[in-house]
Protein backbone atom coordinates (compact mmCIF):
# COMPACT_ATOMS: atom_id res chain seq x y z
CA MET A 1 -48.82 -7.20 10.20
CA ASP A 2 -47.14 -8.53 7.06
CA PHE A 3 -43.89 -6.58 7.34
CA SER A 4 -42.47 -8.00 4.09
CA ALA A 5 -45.41 -7.03 1.90
CA THR A 6 -45.78 -3.56 3.33
CA LEU A 7 -42.06 -2.88 3.20
CA THR A 8 -41.87 -4.16 -0.40
CA THR A 9 -44.70 -1.80 -1.42
CA ILE A 10 -43.18 1.29 0.18
CA VAL A 11 -39.56 0.52 -0.91
CA SER A 12 -40.75 0.05 -4.49
CA PHE A 13 -42.32 3.51 -4.37
CA LEU A 14 -39.21 5.15 -2.74
CA ASP A 15 -36.85 3.45 -5.29
CA ARG A 16 -39.10 4.37 -8.26
CA GLU A 17 -39.21 8.02 -7.11
CA GLU A 18 -35.47 7.96 -6.29
CA ILE A 19 -36.12 8.96 -2.67
CA ARG A 20 -33.27 8.08 -0.36
CA PHE A 21 -34.39 6.25 2.77
CA ALA A 22 -33.16 4.01 5.55
CA LEU A 23 -34.84 1.57 7.87
CA ILE A 24 -34.93 2.63 11.54
CA GLY A 25 -36.74 1.55 14.69
CA GLY A 26 -37.24 -2.05 15.80
CA LEU A 27 -36.59 -3.53 12.35
CA ALA A 28 -33.24 -1.66 12.07
CA LEU A 29 -32.21 -3.12 15.42
CA SER A 30 -33.12 -6.51 14.07
CA ALA A 31 -30.68 -5.94 11.17
CA TYR A 32 -27.95 -5.57 13.81
CA GLY A 33 -29.02 -8.73 15.64
CA HIS A 34 -31.21 -7.24 18.39
CA THR A 35 -34.65 -8.80 18.28
CA ARG A 36 -37.40 -6.92 20.02
CA SER A 37 -41.11 -6.62 19.54
CA THR A 38 -42.28 -4.00 17.08
CA VAL A 39 -45.64 -3.23 15.60
CA ASP A 40 -44.70 -0.89 12.75
CA ILE A 41 -42.21 -0.03 10.10
CA ASP A 42 -40.08 3.06 10.69
CA LEU A 43 -38.23 4.82 7.93
CA VAL A 44 -36.11 7.95 7.71
CA VAL A 45 -36.33 10.05 4.55
CA GLU A 46 -35.42 13.53 3.31
CA LEU A 47 -37.82 16.30 4.34
CA ASP A 48 -38.11 17.53 0.71
CA HIS A 49 -40.17 14.44 -0.15
CA GLN A 50 -42.70 14.66 2.65
CA ASP A 51 -45.64 15.74 0.44
CA ALA A 52 -44.96 13.02 -2.18
CA ILE A 53 -44.65 10.32 0.54
CA ILE A 54 -47.86 11.32 2.30
CA ASP A 55 -49.73 11.48 -1.07
CA PHE A 56 -48.47 7.96 -1.85
CA MET A 57 -49.53 6.73 1.59
CA HIS A 58 -53.04 8.15 1.08
CA THR A 59 -53.42 6.64 -2.40
CA SER A 60 -52.19 3.32 -0.88
CA GLY A 61 -55.03 3.33 1.61
CA PHE A 62 -53.27 4.66 4.68
CA GLU A 63 -54.74 7.24 7.00
CA THR A 64 -52.37 9.88 8.28
CA LEU A 65 -52.59 9.87 12.09
CA HIS A 66 -50.11 12.68 12.62
CA ARG A 67 -48.05 14.99 10.48
CA SER A 68 -45.43 17.55 11.57
CA LEU A 69 -42.27 18.93 10.06
CA GLY A 70 -40.18 16.02 11.41
CA TYR A 71 -42.62 13.08 11.50
CA SER A 72 -45.62 11.44 9.96
CA ASN A 73 -47.52 8.33 11.15
CA HIS A 74 -49.79 6.26 8.92
CA ARG A 75 -52.18 3.38 9.56
CA HIS A 76 -53.92 1.17 7.05
CA ALA A 77 -57.47 0.02 7.75
CA ASP A 78 -56.27 -3.57 6.95
CA PRO A 79 -54.28 -4.71 10.00
CA THR A 80 -52.12 -6.98 7.82
CA VAL A 81 -50.82 -3.87 6.03
CA GLY A 82 -50.31 -2.14 9.40
CA ARG A 83 -48.65 1.02 10.43
CA VAL A 84 -45.75 2.99 8.94
CA ASP A 85 -43.92 5.94 10.52
CA PHE A 86 -41.61 8.32 8.75
CA VAL A 87 -38.91 10.58 10.25
CA TYR A 88 -37.96 13.52 7.98
CA ILE A 89 -34.46 14.92 7.98
CA GLY A 90 -32.75 17.83 6.31
CA ALA A 91 -30.28 17.49 3.45
CA GLU A 92 -27.15 17.91 5.54
CA THR A 93 -28.13 15.17 7.97
CA ALA A 94 -29.33 13.02 5.12
CA ALA A 95 -26.01 13.26 3.38
CA LYS A 96 -24.22 11.98 6.55
CA MET A 97 -26.82 9.30 7.35
CA PHE A 98 -27.41 7.85 3.95
CA GLY A 99 -23.71 8.16 3.00
CA SER A 100 -22.64 5.84 5.83
CA ALA A 101 -25.63 3.46 5.91
CA ASN A 102 -25.17 -0.31 5.78
CA LYS A 103 -27.13 -2.60 3.48
CA TYR A 104 -29.40 -5.12 5.08
CA GLU A 105 -30.88 -8.09 3.25
CA SER A 106 -34.49 -8.45 4.47
CA LEU A 107 -36.33 -11.69 4.71
CA SER A 108 -38.28 -10.71 1.59
CA GLY A 109 -35.02 -10.37 -0.35
CA LEU A 110 -34.90 -6.52 -0.37
CA SER A 111 -31.61 -4.81 0.05
CA ILE A 112 -32.49 -2.02 2.51
CA PRO A 113 -30.17 0.69 3.88
CA VAL A 114 -29.87 0.84 7.66
CA PRO A 115 -28.14 3.75 9.41
CA LYS A 116 -24.85 3.02 11.17
CA PRO A 117 -25.30 2.25 14.88
CA GLU A 118 -24.14 5.74 15.86
CA HIS A 119 -26.88 7.34 13.76
CA LEU A 120 -29.53 5.09 15.15
CA ILE A 121 -28.38 6.02 18.63
CA ALA A 122 -28.54 9.72 17.76
CA MET A 123 -32.19 9.35 16.87
CA LYS A 124 -32.89 7.34 20.07
CA VAL A 125 -31.16 10.01 22.16
CA LEU A 126 -33.47 12.68 20.62
CA ALA A 127 -36.51 10.46 21.20
CA MET A 128 -35.56 10.19 24.91
CA LYS A 129 -35.15 13.93 25.20
CA ASN A 130 -38.51 14.54 23.47
CA ASP A 131 -40.41 11.85 25.33
CA PRO A 132 -38.80 10.84 28.72
CA GLN A 133 -41.35 7.98 29.01
CA ARG A 134 -39.39 6.16 26.21
CA THR A 135 -36.10 6.32 28.17
CA LEU A 136 -35.96 2.71 29.44
CA GLN A 137 -36.64 1.12 26.05
CA GLU A 138 -34.30 3.51 24.29
CA LEU A 139 -31.51 2.97 26.73
CA ALA A 140 -31.84 -0.85 26.28
CA ASP A 141 -31.55 -0.49 22.54
CA ILE A 142 -28.66 1.98 22.86
CA ALA A 143 -26.75 -0.35 25.22
CA PHE A 144 -27.08 -3.15 22.68
CA LEU A 145 -25.75 -0.92 19.88
CA MET A 146 -22.99 0.54 22.03
CA ALA A 147 -21.68 -2.97 22.78
CA ARG A 148 -20.93 -3.50 19.08
CA PRO A 149 -17.16 -3.44 18.49
CA GLU A 150 -17.26 -1.05 15.57
CA VAL A 151 -19.08 1.89 17.25
CA ASP A 152 -17.42 5.19 17.94
CA ARG A 153 -18.28 5.86 21.58
CA ASP A 154 -16.87 9.42 21.38
CA GLU A 155 -19.38 10.19 18.65
CA ILE A 156 -22.15 8.71 20.64
CA ARG A 157 -21.15 10.71 23.78
CA ARG A 158 -21.38 13.90 21.66
CA TYR A 159 -25.02 13.11 20.80
CA PHE A 160 -25.86 12.61 24.45
CA LYS A 161 -24.05 15.80 25.41
CA ARG A 162 -25.79 17.79 22.66
CA HIS A 163 -29.17 16.91 24.15
CA GLY A 164 -28.26 17.42 27.80
CA LEU A 165 -28.18 13.72 28.61
CA VAL A 166 -24.43 13.10 29.04
CA GLU A 167 -25.05 11.55 32.51
CA ARG A 168 -27.10 8.74 30.83
CA PHE A 169 -24.19 8.05 28.47
CA ASP A 170 -21.83 7.86 31.44
CA GLU A 171 -24.19 5.36 33.15
CA LEU A 172 -24.28 3.17 30.03
CA GLU A 173 -20.54 3.41 29.60
CA ARG A 174 -19.99 2.15 33.17
CA SER A 175 -22.49 -0.68 32.71
CA LEU A 176 -20.75 -1.92 29.58
């Protein structure tokens, strides 16, 4: 997959339409210095723009593999264009997330917002709750982010507690 070309195409659309977004998933972890294998581009956007985004993806040659209120997954027939996943969030969450996002200079020269580590962790905690099979990978990513000196561990603990996973937080805290 040519991450730079695909990301440039999508970011150009989002910027043109004035749709706020941030990079999440494996590429966001890379922005914080944690390199791990990834096969797709993951973006978070406001729910109000879901229809416009899915229409754009279709006109750009992507097939929608899944669509729900909170997610959509798209794959292009050309493997060099690849797969793109969107997470849709409400306005209140968007204000918090986009308001505190950091800018990341991509290899292709794009300045891309990336949520602060605490917000990436919040999404990973929810992913673990919704799909326990993801727990080991998510915990490894969370441990990396939690080790960063600027993170607010009290905020992170609240995310774990909200989703009934505070014992996982305590395990991570002890290991760090």
